[in-house]
Protein backbone atom coordinates (compact mmCIF):
# COMPACT_ATOMS: atom_id res chain seq x y z
CA MET A 1 58.22 78.51 23.62
CA ILE A 2 59.08 81.78 25.34
CA CYS A 3 58.23 80.98 28.96
CA ASP A 4 55.72 79.65 31.42
CA VAL A 5 53.83 82.81 32.36
CA GLY A 6 53.03 81.56 35.85
CA ARG A 7 56.61 80.84 36.86
CA PRO A 8 59.26 82.35 34.60
CA SER A 9 62.81 81.14 35.22
CA SER A 10 65.80 83.45 35.21
CA GLY A 11 66.56 82.40 31.63
CA ASP A 12 63.04 83.38 30.58
CA HIS A 13 63.69 86.99 31.59
CA TYR A 14 66.56 87.15 29.11
CA GLU A 15 64.46 85.51 26.42
CA ILE A 16 61.61 87.98 26.98
CA ARG A 17 64.03 90.92 26.93
CA ASP A 18 65.62 89.66 23.72
CA PHE A 19 62.19 89.14 22.13
CA ALA A 20 61.18 92.69 23.06
CA HIS A 21 64.42 94.03 21.58
CA GLU A 22 64.07 91.95 18.40
CA PHE A 23 60.60 93.35 17.70
CA ASP A 24 61.26 96.78 19.23
CA ILE A 25 58.36 96.53 21.67
CA ALA A 26 58.16 97.12 25.41
CA LEU A 27 58.63 94.32 27.93
CA GLY A 28 55.08 94.91 29.14
CA GLN A 29 53.82 94.35 25.60
CA VAL A 30 55.66 91.01 25.45
CA HIS A 31 54.07 89.96 28.75
CA ASP A 32 50.65 91.02 27.45
CA LEU A 33 51.17 88.98 24.27
CA ILE A 34 52.12 85.92 26.32
CA ARG A 35 49.05 86.32 28.54
CA ARG A 36 46.76 86.70 25.53
CA HIS A 37 48.24 84.19 23.12
CA GLY A 38 50.27 81.70 25.16
CA ASP A 39 53.93 80.92 24.77
CA ASP A 40 54.11 79.60 21.20
CA ARG A 41 56.93 81.58 19.59
CA ALA A 42 55.46 81.59 16.07
CA THR A 43 52.18 83.01 17.39
CA LEU A 44 53.99 85.61 19.50
CA GLU A 45 56.13 86.69 16.55
CA ARG A 46 53.03 87.08 14.37
CA GLU A 47 51.29 89.17 17.02
CA ALA A 48 54.41 91.26 17.69
CA ARG A 49 54.61 92.08 13.97
CA LYS A 50 50.99 93.24 14.13
CA LEU A 51 51.88 95.54 17.03
CA LYS A 52 54.74 97.00 15.02
CA ARG A 53 52.46 97.66 12.01
CA ILE A 54 49.90 99.37 14.25
CA SER A 55 52.63 101.40 15.94
CA ARG A 56 54.10 102.54 12.62
CA SER A 57 50.72 103.53 11.19
CA THR A 58 49.80 105.65 14.23
CA ASN A 59 53.21 107.37 14.30
CA ALA A 60 53.24 108.23 10.60
């Protein structure tokens, strides 16, 4: 679980930042993923990988 979107705690901000860094995506993209898919880490990781693939294919 990454965070409760409605009321993130101070620790959640670090977790979100670290997640964004791990997948090389923007903080806003992490927040969008959480809004769309919930806070299940496995789901968020899968969706973040999709973003990376899309990003690489459009920048190639």
